Every structure is written in C-alpha cells, then in structure tokens.
Amino acid sequence: MNSLSTYFLLGISLAAPIGPVKATLLNTGIKNGFFHAWFFGLGAIVTDIIYMLMVYFGVGQFIDSPYMRIFLWCFGFFVLMYTGIENLLTLNNISMDPKFRKIVRLRHSILAGLLMAFLNPLTILFWLGIYGSILVSGGGEISGIETIIISMAILLGIGLVDFIMAFSSSRSRNFLSTSVLKAISFISSLCMIGFGIYFGMQAFQALF
C-alpha cells in the first residue's frame, strides 16, 4: 500500500503543473462548464494510456525518433497556436449564462483532450522518461499485474488532479465576475501560445 500511495502521489505531482493541456482544461471549464472540462481531461488520460502501452510494448523508441519528434513538435506548435489564438478571439463569448455551456458537444471535448495530449511532445517525453524508468526500476522483476496496478495508481493521481481542476474552473463561474473569467481565460490562452512558440522553436532547432 505504501508503494501504491507513492505512485498515486507521483501521478498527482506530475499532473499538477500547468502545461498546455492543463491550461486548455482550465479554459474549457471556465467557458463550457465542469463536464466539458472533465471530458477533456478524460481524453488526455486516454492518450496517457496509449503512450503507456507503447512504452510497455517497446514502441517508445519509434516515437522518440528524431523525425517523429520533429513531426510532433510542429503539430504541437500548430495546435497550441491555433487553440490559443482562437480562445483570444472568442473571449467576448464568455458569459455567465448557463445555456452557454451547451454550445459544445461533450464528444468534441473528449476528442480535443485526446488530440491535445497526443500531439504534446512533453507528454511523450514524460512517458518515455518517467514511465520507462519505472518499468526498469525493478530490474525486470515487475510482473504484468504489478505493472497494471502501478499504472492505475499513477492514472488515478492524474485523474484526481484533472477532476479538481475541472471542478474548480467550472465553479469559478458562480463566484467570479465575467471580466475576471475573461482575464483568466486570457492568461491561459497566452500560456497556450507561449508553449506553442516553445514547440515551434524546438522544431526549428531540430530541423536546422
């Protein structure tokens, strides 16, 4: 149980920092409410599971190849820049009216989370580094069942953070004014654009 709690806390600590995916999750909660933010987080967790399976079955070397990393840096740049700029252009659409949350379908939110995380090179580097080291930490003695349990503990930690962020961002609609919500959305959009620029610089350096 001590070991499981350690991996659970590891998942929490890894999910807590605000990156491009978390910035988008917070922005989704502010604009569209809890369920859209939570489904966005679930989409990101599906991506986490995919990358965990790829690392477990030894496909990690493929996604860590130079050409694949350049491809993902470029697409990460495009997705984050597009999302960030689009959010800036739609700041005036943020409304305290609860009907506003029904504009976007939930399936679109979960697909957005899946694609955002899947095209995020930081997600790949994380699972290759952290999860890969966990698999070899036992000197090859970790069984399949133990790997599943460890993975579930990490994912539960990540899911808890996503749930708290989704709940907090959606609840903020009831306590903050529209202008404050727009300010928060503005800052999160700038974070997305900032990460997009960073990804673009990484792609440029890798190409030249």
N, C-alpha and C. Protein backbone atom coordinates (compact mmCIF):
# COMPACT_ATOMS: atom_id res chain seq x y z
N MET A 1 0.82 -1.21 0.00
CA MET A 1 0.00 0.00 0.00
C MET A 1 0.86 1.26 0.00
N ASN A 2 2.01 1.22 0.73
CA ASN A 2 2.91 2.37 0.73
C ASN A 2 3.44 2.64 -0.67
N SER A 3 3.75 1.54 -1.38
CA SER A 3 4.26 1.68 -2.74
C SER A 3 3.19 2.28 -3.65
N LEU A 4 1.95 1.82 -3.52
CA LEU A 4 0.86 2.33 -4.34
C LEU A 4 0.60 3.81 -4.06
N SER A 5 0.65 4.19 -2.78
CA SER A 5 0.44 5.59 -2.44
C SER A 5 1.54 6.47 -3.02
N THR A 6 2.76 5.90 -3.11
CA THR A 6 3.87 6.65 -3.70
C THR A 6 3.60 6.92 -5.18
N TYR A 7 3.13 5.91 -5.91
CA TYR A 7 2.83 6.09 -7.33
C TYR A 7 1.61 6.98 -7.54
N PHE A 8 0.65 6.90 -6.60
CA PHE A 8 -0.52 7.79 -6.66
C PHE A 8 -0.10 9.24 -6.49
N LEU A 9 0.78 9.50 -5.52
CA LEU A 9 1.30 10.85 -5.31
C LEU A 9 2.16 11.29 -6.48
N LEU A 10 2.86 10.33 -7.11
CA LEU A 10 3.65 10.66 -8.30
C LEU A 10 2.73 11.17 -9.41
N GLY A 11 1.60 10.49 -9.60
CA GLY A 11 0.65 10.93 -10.62
C GLY A 11 0.11 12.32 -10.33
N ILE A 12 -0.16 12.61 -9.04
CA ILE A 12 -0.64 13.94 -8.65
C ILE A 12 0.40 15.00 -8.93
N SER A 13 1.65 14.73 -8.53
CA SER A 13 2.72 15.72 -8.70
C SER A 13 3.03 15.97 -10.17
N LEU A 14 2.88 14.95 -11.00
CA LEU A 14 3.17 15.11 -12.42
C LEU A 14 2.04 15.82 -13.15
N ALA A 15 0.81 15.69 -12.65
CA ALA A 15 -0.33 16.32 -13.32
C ALA A 15 -0.58 17.74 -12.84
N ALA A 16 -0.03 18.12 -11.68
CA ALA A 16 -0.34 19.41 -11.09
C ALA A 16 0.21 20.61 -11.86
N PRO A 17 1.45 20.57 -12.38
CA PRO A 17 1.98 21.76 -13.08
C PRO A 17 1.10 22.16 -14.27
N ILE A 18 1.01 23.48 -14.48
CA ILE A 18 0.20 24.00 -15.57
C ILE A 18 1.00 23.95 -16.87
N GLY A 19 0.61 23.03 -17.73
CA GLY A 19 1.20 22.94 -19.07
C GLY A 19 0.14 23.28 -20.09
N PRO A 20 0.41 23.02 -21.36
CA PRO A 20 -0.58 23.36 -22.39
C PRO A 20 -1.90 22.62 -22.24
N VAL A 21 -1.85 21.35 -21.82
CA VAL A 21 -3.08 20.58 -21.67
C VAL A 21 -3.89 21.10 -20.49
N LYS A 22 -3.22 21.36 -19.36
CA LYS A 22 -3.94 21.85 -18.17
C LYS A 22 -4.47 23.26 -18.40
N ALA A 23 -3.72 24.08 -19.12
CA ALA A 23 -4.21 25.43 -19.42
C ALA A 23 -5.49 25.37 -20.25
N THR A 24 -5.53 24.45 -21.20
CA THR A 24 -6.72 24.28 -22.03
C THR A 24 -7.88 23.72 -21.21
N LEU A 25 -7.57 22.79 -20.29
CA LEU A 25 -8.61 22.22 -19.43
C LEU A 25 -9.26 23.31 -18.58
N LEU A 26 -8.44 24.17 -17.98
CA LEU A 26 -8.98 25.26 -17.17
C LEU A 26 -9.82 26.21 -18.00
N ASN A 27 -9.34 26.51 -19.20
CA ASN A 27 -10.08 27.41 -20.07
C ASN A 27 -11.41 26.78 -20.49
N THR A 28 -11.40 25.46 -20.72
CA THR A 28 -12.64 24.76 -21.08
C THR A 28 -13.65 24.79 -19.95
N GLY A 29 -13.16 24.61 -18.72
CA GLY A 29 -14.05 24.66 -17.57
C GLY A 29 -14.69 26.01 -17.38
N ILE A 30 -13.90 27.07 -17.60
CA ILE A 30 -14.42 28.43 -17.46
C ILE A 30 -15.48 28.72 -18.51
N LYS A 31 -15.20 28.30 -19.75
CA LYS A 31 -16.09 28.66 -20.85
C LYS A 31 -17.30 27.74 -20.97
N ASN A 32 -17.11 26.43 -20.73
CA ASN A 32 -18.17 25.47 -21.03
C ASN A 32 -18.66 24.65 -19.84
N GLY A 33 -18.05 24.81 -18.67
CA GLY A 33 -18.54 24.10 -17.50
C GLY A 33 -17.78 22.83 -17.17
N PHE A 34 -18.20 22.20 -16.06
CA PHE A 34 -17.47 21.06 -15.48
C PHE A 34 -17.36 19.87 -16.43
N PHE A 35 -18.48 19.43 -16.98
CA PHE A 35 -18.47 18.19 -17.75
C PHE A 35 -17.58 18.29 -18.99
N HIS A 36 -17.57 19.45 -19.63
CA HIS A 36 -16.70 19.61 -20.79
C HIS A 36 -15.23 19.56 -20.38
N ALA A 37 -14.89 20.20 -19.25
CA ALA A 37 -13.52 20.16 -18.76
C ALA A 37 -13.13 18.75 -18.32
N TRP A 38 -14.06 18.05 -17.65
CA TRP A 38 -13.78 16.70 -17.18
C TRP A 38 -13.61 15.74 -18.36
N PHE A 39 -14.45 15.87 -19.37
CA PHE A 39 -14.32 15.01 -20.55
C PHE A 39 -13.04 15.34 -21.32
N PHE A 40 -12.65 16.61 -21.33
CA PHE A 40 -11.38 16.98 -21.93
C PHE A 40 -10.24 16.26 -21.20
N GLY A 41 -10.30 16.24 -19.85
CA GLY A 41 -9.29 15.53 -19.07
C GLY A 41 -9.30 14.04 -19.33
N LEU A 42 -10.50 13.45 -19.51
CA LEU A 42 -10.59 12.03 -19.81
C LEU A 42 -9.94 11.72 -21.16
N GLY A 43 -10.12 12.61 -22.13
CA GLY A 43 -9.47 12.43 -23.42
C GLY A 43 -7.96 12.42 -23.29
N ALA A 44 -7.45 13.32 -22.43
CA ALA A 44 -6.00 13.36 -22.20
C ALA A 44 -5.52 12.08 -21.51
N ILE A 45 -6.34 11.53 -20.61
CA ILE A 45 -5.96 10.29 -19.92
C ILE A 45 -5.95 9.12 -20.89
N VAL A 46 -6.85 9.11 -21.87
CA VAL A 46 -6.83 8.07 -22.90
C VAL A 46 -5.50 8.11 -23.65
N THR A 47 -5.02 9.31 -23.95
CA THR A 47 -3.72 9.45 -24.59
C THR A 47 -2.61 8.91 -23.70
N ASP A 48 -2.71 9.21 -22.39
CA ASP A 48 -1.71 8.69 -21.45
C ASP A 48 -1.66 7.16 -21.50
N ILE A 49 -2.83 6.54 -21.54
CA ILE A 49 -2.90 5.08 -21.59
C ILE A 49 -2.26 4.56 -22.87
N ILE A 50 -2.52 5.24 -23.99
CA ILE A 50 -1.94 4.82 -25.27
C ILE A 50 -0.43 4.86 -25.21
N TYR A 51 0.13 5.95 -24.68
CA TYR A 51 1.59 6.08 -24.60
C TYR A 51 2.18 5.09 -23.60
N MET A 52 1.46 4.80 -22.53
CA MET A 52 1.93 3.80 -21.57
C MET A 52 2.04 2.43 -22.24
N LEU A 53 1.04 2.08 -23.04
CA LEU A 53 1.08 0.80 -23.75
C LEU A 53 2.23 0.76 -24.76
N MET A 54 2.45 1.89 -25.43
CA MET A 54 3.53 1.94 -26.41
C MET A 54 4.90 1.76 -25.74
N VAL A 55 5.07 2.41 -24.59
CA VAL A 55 6.34 2.25 -23.86
C VAL A 55 6.47 0.82 -23.33
N TYR A 56 5.37 0.28 -22.82
CA TYR A 56 5.42 -1.06 -22.24
C TYR A 56 5.78 -2.12 -23.29
N PHE A 57 5.23 -1.96 -24.48
CA PHE A 57 5.49 -2.94 -25.54
C PHE A 57 6.72 -2.59 -26.39
N GLY A 58 7.49 -1.61 -25.95
CA GLY A 58 8.75 -1.31 -26.61
C GLY A 58 8.65 -0.47 -27.86
N VAL A 59 7.52 0.21 -28.04
CA VAL A 59 7.37 1.06 -29.22
C VAL A 59 7.88 2.47 -28.94
N GLY A 60 8.36 2.69 -27.71
CA GLY A 60 8.81 4.01 -27.33
C GLY A 60 9.95 4.53 -28.18
N GLN A 61 10.80 3.63 -28.67
CA GLN A 61 11.91 4.07 -29.50
C GLN A 61 11.44 4.70 -30.80
N PHE A 62 10.28 4.23 -31.28
CA PHE A 62 9.74 4.78 -32.53
C PHE A 62 9.27 6.22 -32.33
N ILE A 63 8.51 6.46 -31.25
CA ILE A 63 8.01 7.81 -31.02
C ILE A 63 9.11 8.74 -30.55
N ASP A 64 10.26 8.19 -30.15
CA ASP A 64 11.37 9.04 -29.72
C ASP A 64 12.36 9.28 -30.85
N SER A 65 12.06 8.80 -32.05
CA SER A 65 12.96 9.01 -33.18
C SER A 65 12.99 10.48 -33.56
N PRO A 66 14.11 10.98 -34.12
CA PRO A 66 14.22 12.41 -34.45
C PRO A 66 13.12 12.91 -35.38
N TYR A 67 12.79 12.13 -36.42
CA TYR A 67 11.78 12.59 -37.37
C TYR A 67 10.39 12.67 -36.73
N MET A 68 10.07 11.68 -35.88
CA MET A 68 8.78 11.70 -35.21
C MET A 68 8.69 12.86 -34.22
N ARG A 69 9.78 13.16 -33.54
CA ARG A 69 9.77 14.25 -32.59
C ARG A 69 9.60 15.60 -33.31
N ILE A 70 10.25 15.75 -34.47
CA ILE A 70 10.09 16.98 -35.25
C ILE A 70 8.63 17.12 -35.70
N PHE A 71 8.06 16.00 -36.14
CA PHE A 71 6.66 15.99 -36.57
C PHE A 71 5.74 16.43 -35.44
N LEU A 72 5.98 15.91 -34.25
CA LEU A 72 5.13 16.22 -33.11
C LEU A 72 5.36 17.65 -32.61
N TRP A 73 6.62 18.10 -32.65
CA TRP A 73 6.89 19.50 -32.28
C TRP A 73 6.11 20.43 -33.19
N CYS A 74 6.14 20.15 -34.50
CA CYS A 74 5.44 21.00 -35.48
C CYS A 74 3.93 20.99 -35.26
N PHE A 75 3.36 19.80 -35.07
CA PHE A 75 1.92 19.73 -34.88
C PHE A 75 1.52 20.32 -33.53
N GLY A 76 2.37 20.12 -32.52
CA GLY A 76 2.10 20.75 -31.23
C GLY A 76 2.08 22.26 -31.35
N PHE A 77 3.01 22.79 -32.12
CA PHE A 77 3.05 24.23 -32.38
C PHE A 77 1.76 24.70 -33.04
N PHE A 78 1.34 23.99 -34.08
CA PHE A 78 0.13 24.38 -34.81
C PHE A 78 -1.11 24.32 -33.93
N VAL A 79 -1.28 23.21 -33.20
CA VAL A 79 -2.49 23.01 -32.40
C VAL A 79 -2.57 24.05 -31.28
N LEU A 80 -1.46 24.28 -30.58
CA LEU A 80 -1.48 25.22 -29.46
C LEU A 80 -1.66 26.66 -29.93
N MET A 81 -0.98 27.03 -31.00
CA MET A 81 -1.13 28.38 -31.52
C MET A 81 -2.55 28.62 -32.00
N TYR A 82 -3.10 27.64 -32.72
CA TYR A 82 -4.48 27.77 -33.21
C TYR A 82 -5.46 27.88 -32.05
N THR A 83 -5.32 26.99 -31.05
CA THR A 83 -6.24 26.99 -29.92
C THR A 83 -6.12 28.28 -29.11
N GLY A 84 -4.88 28.69 -28.85
CA GLY A 84 -4.67 29.90 -28.07
C GLY A 84 -5.22 31.13 -28.75
N ILE A 85 -4.95 31.29 -30.04
CA ILE A 85 -5.44 32.45 -30.79
C ILE A 85 -6.96 32.42 -30.89
N GLU A 86 -7.52 31.23 -31.13
CA GLU A 86 -8.98 31.11 -31.22
C GLU A 86 -9.63 31.51 -29.91
N ASN A 87 -9.03 31.10 -28.78
CA ASN A 87 -9.58 31.47 -27.48
C ASN A 87 -9.52 32.97 -27.25
N LEU A 88 -8.43 33.60 -27.71
CA LEU A 88 -8.32 35.05 -27.56
C LEU A 88 -9.40 35.76 -28.38
N LEU A 89 -9.67 35.22 -29.56
CA LEU A 89 -10.66 35.86 -30.43
C LEU A 89 -12.09 35.65 -29.95
N THR A 90 -12.28 34.65 -29.08
CA THR A 90 -13.65 34.36 -28.60
C THR A 90 -13.83 34.71 -27.13
N LEU A 91 -12.96 35.57 -26.60
CA LEU A 91 -13.09 35.96 -25.19
C LEU A 91 -14.44 36.59 -24.90
N ASN A 92 -14.95 37.36 -25.84
CA ASN A 92 -16.23 38.04 -25.63
C ASN A 92 -17.41 37.08 -25.57
N ASN A 93 -17.16 35.81 -25.96
CA ASN A 93 -18.25 34.82 -25.92
C ASN A 93 -18.46 34.25 -24.52
N ILE A 94 -17.51 34.53 -23.61
CA ILE A 94 -17.66 34.02 -22.25
C ILE A 94 -18.83 34.73 -21.58
N SER A 95 -19.75 33.94 -21.07
CA SER A 95 -20.97 34.50 -20.49
C SER A 95 -21.31 33.76 -19.21
N MET A 96 -21.99 34.45 -18.31
CA MET A 96 -22.45 33.81 -17.09
C MET A 96 -23.72 33.01 -17.32
N ASP A 97 -24.27 33.11 -18.52
CA ASP A 97 -25.50 32.39 -18.85
C ASP A 97 -25.21 30.90 -18.91
N PRO A 98 -25.86 30.05 -18.08
CA PRO A 98 -25.59 28.61 -18.08
C PRO A 98 -25.89 27.94 -19.41
N LYS A 99 -26.75 28.54 -20.23
CA LYS A 99 -27.04 27.94 -21.53
C LYS A 99 -25.82 27.95 -22.43
N PHE A 100 -24.86 28.81 -22.12
CA PHE A 100 -23.67 28.92 -22.95
C PHE A 100 -22.90 27.61 -22.98
N ARG A 101 -22.97 26.83 -21.91
CA ARG A 101 -22.18 25.61 -21.81
C ARG A 101 -22.66 24.53 -22.78
N LYS A 102 -23.88 24.65 -23.30
CA LYS A 102 -24.42 23.60 -24.14
C LYS A 102 -24.05 23.75 -25.62
N ILE A 103 -23.28 24.77 -25.93
CA ILE A 103 -22.94 25.01 -27.32
C ILE A 103 -22.04 23.91 -27.87
N VAL A 104 -21.07 23.47 -27.06
CA VAL A 104 -20.09 22.48 -27.49
C VAL A 104 -20.54 21.09 -27.03
N ARG A 105 -20.46 20.11 -27.90
CA ARG A 105 -20.83 18.75 -27.54
C ARG A 105 -19.72 18.10 -26.72
N LEU A 106 -20.11 17.19 -25.82
CA LEU A 106 -19.14 16.54 -24.94
C LEU A 106 -18.14 15.72 -25.73
N ARG A 107 -18.58 15.07 -26.80
CA ARG A 107 -17.65 14.26 -27.58
C ARG A 107 -16.57 15.11 -28.23
N HIS A 108 -16.90 16.35 -28.53
CA HIS A 108 -15.89 17.25 -29.07
C HIS A 108 -14.85 17.58 -28.00
N SER A 109 -15.28 17.69 -26.76
CA SER A 109 -14.36 18.00 -25.67
C SER A 109 -13.40 16.85 -25.42
N ILE A 110 -13.91 15.61 -25.43
CA ILE A 110 -13.03 14.47 -25.18
C ILE A 110 -12.06 14.26 -26.34
N LEU A 111 -12.51 14.52 -27.57
CA LEU A 111 -11.60 14.43 -28.72
C LEU A 111 -10.55 15.52 -28.68
N ALA A 112 -10.94 16.71 -28.23
CA ALA A 112 -9.99 17.80 -28.11
C ALA A 112 -8.91 17.46 -27.09
N GLY A 113 -9.30 16.87 -25.95
CA GLY A 113 -8.32 16.48 -24.94
C GLY A 113 -7.39 15.40 -25.44
N LEU A 114 -7.95 14.43 -26.17
CA LEU A 114 -7.14 13.34 -26.71
C LEU A 114 -6.10 13.87 -27.70
N LEU A 115 -6.54 14.72 -28.63
CA LEU A 115 -5.63 15.23 -29.65
C LEU A 115 -4.60 16.18 -29.04
N MET A 116 -5.04 17.04 -28.11
CA MET A 116 -4.12 17.99 -27.50
C MET A 116 -2.99 17.27 -26.77
N ALA A 117 -3.34 16.23 -26.01
CA ALA A 117 -2.32 15.48 -25.28
C ALA A 117 -1.49 14.62 -26.21
N PHE A 118 -2.13 14.03 -27.23
CA PHE A 118 -1.41 13.14 -28.14
C PHE A 118 -0.36 13.90 -28.94
N LEU A 119 -0.64 15.16 -29.28
CA LEU A 119 0.29 15.96 -30.07
C LEU A 119 1.21 16.81 -29.20
N ASN A 120 1.17 16.57 -27.91
CA ASN A 120 2.02 17.31 -26.98
C ASN A 120 3.34 16.55 -26.77
N PRO A 121 4.46 17.05 -27.30
CA PRO A 121 5.73 16.33 -27.14
C PRO A 121 6.13 16.15 -25.69
N LEU A 122 5.70 17.06 -24.81
CA LEU A 122 6.04 16.93 -23.39
C LEU A 122 5.42 15.68 -22.79
N THR A 123 4.23 15.30 -23.27
CA THR A 123 3.59 14.07 -22.81
C THR A 123 4.41 12.86 -23.19
N ILE A 124 4.91 12.86 -24.41
CA ILE A 124 5.73 11.74 -24.90
C ILE A 124 7.01 11.63 -24.10
N LEU A 125 7.70 12.76 -23.91
CA LEU A 125 8.95 12.75 -23.17
C LEU A 125 8.73 12.28 -21.74
N PHE A 126 7.59 12.66 -21.16
CA PHE A 126 7.29 12.23 -19.80
C PHE A 126 7.15 10.71 -19.71
N TRP A 127 6.32 10.14 -20.60
CA TRP A 127 6.09 8.70 -20.50
C TRP A 127 7.32 7.90 -20.87
N LEU A 128 8.13 8.42 -21.79
CA LEU A 128 9.37 7.72 -22.12
C LEU A 128 10.34 7.76 -20.94
N GLY A 129 10.42 8.92 -20.30
CA GLY A 129 11.38 9.08 -19.21
C GLY A 129 10.92 8.47 -17.90
N ILE A 130 9.79 8.96 -17.38
CA ILE A 130 9.32 8.54 -16.06
C ILE A 130 8.80 7.10 -16.08
N TYR A 131 7.85 6.85 -16.98
CA TYR A 131 7.23 5.53 -17.00
C TYR A 131 8.23 4.46 -17.45
N GLY A 132 9.07 4.82 -18.41
CA GLY A 132 10.09 3.86 -18.84
C GLY A 132 11.03 3.49 -17.70
N SER A 133 11.42 4.48 -16.90
CA SER A 133 12.32 4.20 -15.78
C SER A 133 11.62 3.37 -14.70
N ILE A 134 10.31 3.56 -14.54
CA ILE A 134 9.56 2.76 -13.56
C ILE A 134 9.56 1.29 -13.97
N LEU A 135 9.40 1.05 -15.27
CA LEU A 135 9.34 -0.34 -15.74
C LEU A 135 10.66 -1.07 -15.55
N VAL A 136 11.77 -0.33 -15.63
CA VAL A 136 13.08 -0.98 -15.49
C VAL A 136 13.64 -0.85 -14.08
N SER A 137 12.92 -0.14 -13.20
CA SER A 137 13.43 0.10 -11.85
C SER A 137 13.54 -1.19 -11.05
N GLY A 138 12.69 -2.16 -11.38
CA GLY A 138 12.73 -3.42 -10.65
C GLY A 138 13.68 -4.44 -11.24
N GLY A 139 14.54 -3.99 -12.15
CA GLY A 139 15.49 -4.91 -12.77
C GLY A 139 14.82 -5.98 -13.58
N GLY A 140 13.66 -5.65 -14.16
CA GLY A 140 12.94 -6.63 -14.98
C GLY A 140 12.10 -7.59 -14.17
N GLU A 141 11.96 -7.33 -12.84
CA GLU A 141 11.24 -8.24 -11.97
C GLU A 141 9.78 -7.83 -11.77
N ILE A 142 9.35 -6.71 -12.35
CA ILE A 142 7.96 -6.27 -12.19
C ILE A 142 7.06 -7.11 -13.10
N SER A 143 6.08 -7.76 -12.51
CA SER A 143 5.18 -8.61 -13.29
C SER A 143 4.15 -7.77 -14.02
N GLY A 144 3.40 -8.44 -14.91
CA GLY A 144 2.38 -7.74 -15.67
C GLY A 144 1.30 -7.17 -14.77
N ILE A 145 0.88 -7.95 -13.76
CA ILE A 145 -0.16 -7.48 -12.83
C ILE A 145 0.33 -6.28 -12.05
N GLU A 146 1.58 -6.33 -11.58
CA GLU A 146 2.14 -5.21 -10.83
C GLU A 146 2.23 -3.96 -11.69
N THR A 147 2.58 -4.14 -12.96
CA THR A 147 2.65 -3.00 -13.88
C THR A 147 1.29 -2.35 -14.05
N ILE A 148 0.24 -3.18 -14.17
CA ILE A 148 -1.12 -2.66 -14.31
C ILE A 148 -1.53 -1.88 -13.07
N ILE A 149 -1.22 -2.44 -11.88
CA ILE A 149 -1.59 -1.77 -10.63
C ILE A 149 -0.85 -0.45 -10.48
N ILE A 150 0.46 -0.45 -10.79
CA ILE A 150 1.24 0.78 -10.71
C ILE A 150 0.70 1.83 -11.68
N SER A 151 0.38 1.38 -12.89
CA SER A 151 -0.14 2.31 -13.91
C SER A 151 -1.48 2.89 -13.47
N MET A 152 -2.34 2.05 -12.87
CA MET A 152 -3.64 2.53 -12.40
C MET A 152 -3.47 3.56 -11.30
N ALA A 153 -2.49 3.35 -10.40
CA ALA A 153 -2.26 4.30 -9.32
C ALA A 153 -1.82 5.65 -9.87
N ILE A 154 -0.93 5.64 -10.87
CA ILE A 154 -0.48 6.89 -11.50
C ILE A 154 -1.64 7.59 -12.18
N LEU A 155 -2.44 6.82 -12.94
CA LEU A 155 -3.57 7.40 -13.66
C LEU A 155 -4.63 7.95 -12.71
N LEU A 156 -4.83 7.30 -11.56
CA LEU A 156 -5.78 7.80 -10.58
C LEU A 156 -5.33 9.15 -10.03
N GLY A 157 -4.01 9.28 -9.80
CA GLY A 157 -3.47 10.56 -9.34
C GLY A 157 -3.68 11.65 -10.36
N ILE A 158 -3.41 11.32 -11.64
CA ILE A 158 -3.62 12.30 -12.72
C ILE A 158 -5.09 12.65 -12.85
N GLY A 159 -5.96 11.63 -12.77
CA GLY A 159 -7.39 11.85 -12.88
C GLY A 159 -7.93 12.72 -11.76
N LEU A 160 -7.40 12.54 -10.55
CA LEU A 160 -7.84 13.35 -9.41
C LEU A 160 -7.53 14.83 -9.63
N VAL A 161 -6.31 15.10 -10.11
CA VAL A 161 -5.93 16.49 -10.38
C VAL A 161 -6.82 17.09 -11.46
N ASP A 162 -7.06 16.32 -12.53
CA ASP A 162 -7.93 16.81 -13.60
C ASP A 162 -9.34 17.10 -13.09
N PHE A 163 -9.84 16.22 -12.22
CA PHE A 163 -11.18 16.40 -11.66
C PHE A 163 -11.24 17.68 -10.83
N ILE A 164 -10.22 17.89 -9.99
CA ILE A 164 -10.20 19.09 -9.14
C ILE A 164 -10.11 20.35 -9.99
N MET A 165 -9.26 20.31 -11.03
CA MET A 165 -9.12 21.48 -11.91
C MET A 165 -10.41 21.75 -12.68
N ALA A 166 -11.06 20.68 -13.15
CA ALA A 166 -12.31 20.84 -13.89
C ALA A 166 -13.40 21.40 -12.98
N PHE A 167 -13.47 20.89 -11.76
CA PHE A 167 -14.49 21.35 -10.81
C PHE A 167 -14.23 22.79 -10.41
N SER A 168 -12.96 23.11 -10.11
CA SER A 168 -12.63 24.46 -9.65
C SER A 168 -12.89 25.50 -10.73
N SER A 169 -12.47 25.18 -11.96
CA SER A 169 -12.64 26.15 -13.05
C SER A 169 -14.12 26.37 -13.36
N SER A 170 -14.92 25.30 -13.30
CA SER A 170 -16.36 25.45 -13.58
C SER A 170 -17.08 26.16 -12.45
N ARG A 171 -16.69 25.88 -11.19
CA ARG A 171 -17.32 26.53 -10.05
C ARG A 171 -16.99 28.02 -10.00
N SER A 172 -15.83 28.38 -10.56
CA SER A 172 -15.43 29.79 -10.51
C SER A 172 -16.42 30.68 -11.24
N ARG A 173 -17.19 30.08 -12.15
CA ARG A 173 -18.21 30.85 -12.88
C ARG A 173 -19.25 31.42 -11.93
N ASN A 174 -19.47 30.75 -10.79
CA ASN A 174 -20.51 31.18 -9.87
C ASN A 174 -20.03 32.24 -8.87
N PHE A 175 -18.69 32.40 -8.77
CA PHE A 175 -18.15 33.30 -7.75
C PHE A 175 -17.41 34.50 -8.35
N LEU A 176 -17.03 34.40 -9.61
CA LEU A 176 -16.25 35.46 -10.24
C LEU A 176 -17.08 36.20 -11.27
N SER A 177 -16.73 37.44 -11.47
CA SER A 177 -17.43 38.24 -12.48
C SER A 177 -16.99 37.82 -13.87
N THR A 178 -17.75 38.25 -14.86
CA THR A 178 -17.42 37.92 -16.24
C THR A 178 -16.07 38.48 -16.63
N SER A 179 -15.75 39.67 -16.15
CA SER A 179 -14.46 40.29 -16.51
C SER A 179 -13.29 39.49 -15.95
N VAL A 180 -13.45 38.95 -14.72
CA VAL A 180 -12.38 38.14 -14.13
C VAL A 180 -12.22 36.82 -14.89
N LEU A 181 -13.34 36.21 -15.26
CA LEU A 181 -13.29 34.98 -16.03
C LEU A 181 -12.59 35.21 -17.36
N LYS A 182 -12.87 36.34 -17.98
CA LYS A 182 -12.22 36.67 -19.25
C LYS A 182 -10.72 36.87 -19.04
N ALA A 183 -10.34 37.45 -17.91
CA ALA A 183 -8.92 37.67 -17.61
C ALA A 183 -8.20 36.33 -17.43
N ILE A 184 -8.85 35.40 -16.71
CA ILE A 184 -8.26 34.07 -16.51
C ILE A 184 -8.12 33.34 -17.84
N SER A 185 -9.17 33.42 -18.66
CA SER A 185 -9.13 32.79 -19.97
C SER A 185 -8.04 33.41 -20.83
N PHE A 186 -7.87 34.72 -20.72
CA PHE A 186 -6.84 35.43 -21.47
C PHE A 186 -5.45 34.92 -21.09
N ILE A 187 -5.22 34.78 -19.78
CA ILE A 187 -3.91 34.30 -19.30
C ILE A 187 -3.65 32.87 -19.76
N SER A 188 -4.67 31.99 -19.65
CA SER A 188 -4.49 30.60 -20.07
C SER A 188 -4.24 30.52 -21.58
N SER A 189 -4.88 31.40 -22.34
CA SER A 189 -4.65 31.43 -23.80
C SER A 189 -3.23 31.84 -24.11
N LEU A 190 -2.72 32.82 -23.37
CA LEU A 190 -1.34 33.25 -23.56
C LEU A 190 -0.37 32.12 -23.21
N CYS A 191 -0.72 31.32 -22.20
CA CYS A 191 0.11 30.16 -21.85
C CYS A 191 0.17 29.17 -23.01
N MET A 192 -0.98 28.92 -23.64
CA MET A 192 -1.01 28.01 -24.79
C MET A 192 -0.14 28.54 -25.92
N ILE A 193 -0.27 29.84 -26.20
CA ILE A 193 0.53 30.43 -27.27
C ILE A 193 2.02 30.37 -26.92
N GLY A 194 2.33 30.61 -25.64
CA GLY A 194 3.72 30.53 -25.21
C GLY A 194 4.30 29.14 -25.40
N PHE A 195 3.55 28.11 -25.02
CA PHE A 195 4.01 26.74 -25.23
C PHE A 195 4.10 26.42 -26.72
N GLY A 196 3.16 26.97 -27.50
CA GLY A 196 3.21 26.76 -28.95
C GLY A 196 4.48 27.34 -29.55
N ILE A 197 4.85 28.54 -29.11
CA ILE A 197 6.09 29.16 -29.59
C ILE A 197 7.30 28.32 -29.19
N TYR A 198 7.27 27.80 -27.96
CA TYR A 198 8.36 26.95 -27.49
C TYR A 198 8.48 25.69 -28.35
N PHE A 199 7.34 25.06 -28.66
CA PHE A 199 7.36 23.87 -29.51
C PHE A 199 7.89 24.21 -30.90
N GLY A 200 7.47 25.38 -31.43
CA GLY A 200 7.95 25.79 -32.74
C GLY A 200 9.45 26.02 -32.75
N MET A 201 9.99 26.60 -31.68
CA MET A 201 11.44 26.81 -31.59
C MET A 201 12.19 25.48 -31.53
N GLN A 202 11.61 24.51 -30.80
CA GLN A 202 12.24 23.19 -30.72
C GLN A 202 12.25 22.52 -32.08
N ALA A 203 11.16 22.64 -32.83
CA ALA A 203 11.09 22.07 -34.18
C ALA A 203 12.10 22.73 -35.11
N PHE A 204 12.23 24.06 -35.01
CA PHE A 204 13.18 24.80 -35.84
C PHE A 204 14.61 24.38 -35.54
N GLN A 205 14.95 24.26 -34.24
CA GLN A 205 16.30 23.85 -33.86
C GLN A 205 16.60 22.42 -34.31
N ALA A 206 15.58 21.56 -34.25
CA ALA A 206 15.79 20.17 -34.66
C ALA A 206 15.99 20.07 -36.17
N LEU A 207 15.34 20.98 -36.93
CA LEU A 207 15.47 20.94 -38.40
C LEU A 207 16.78 21.56 -38.85
N PHE A 208 17.23 22.60 -38.15
CA PHE A 208 18.41 23.32 -38.61
C PHE A 208 19.54 23.29 -37.58
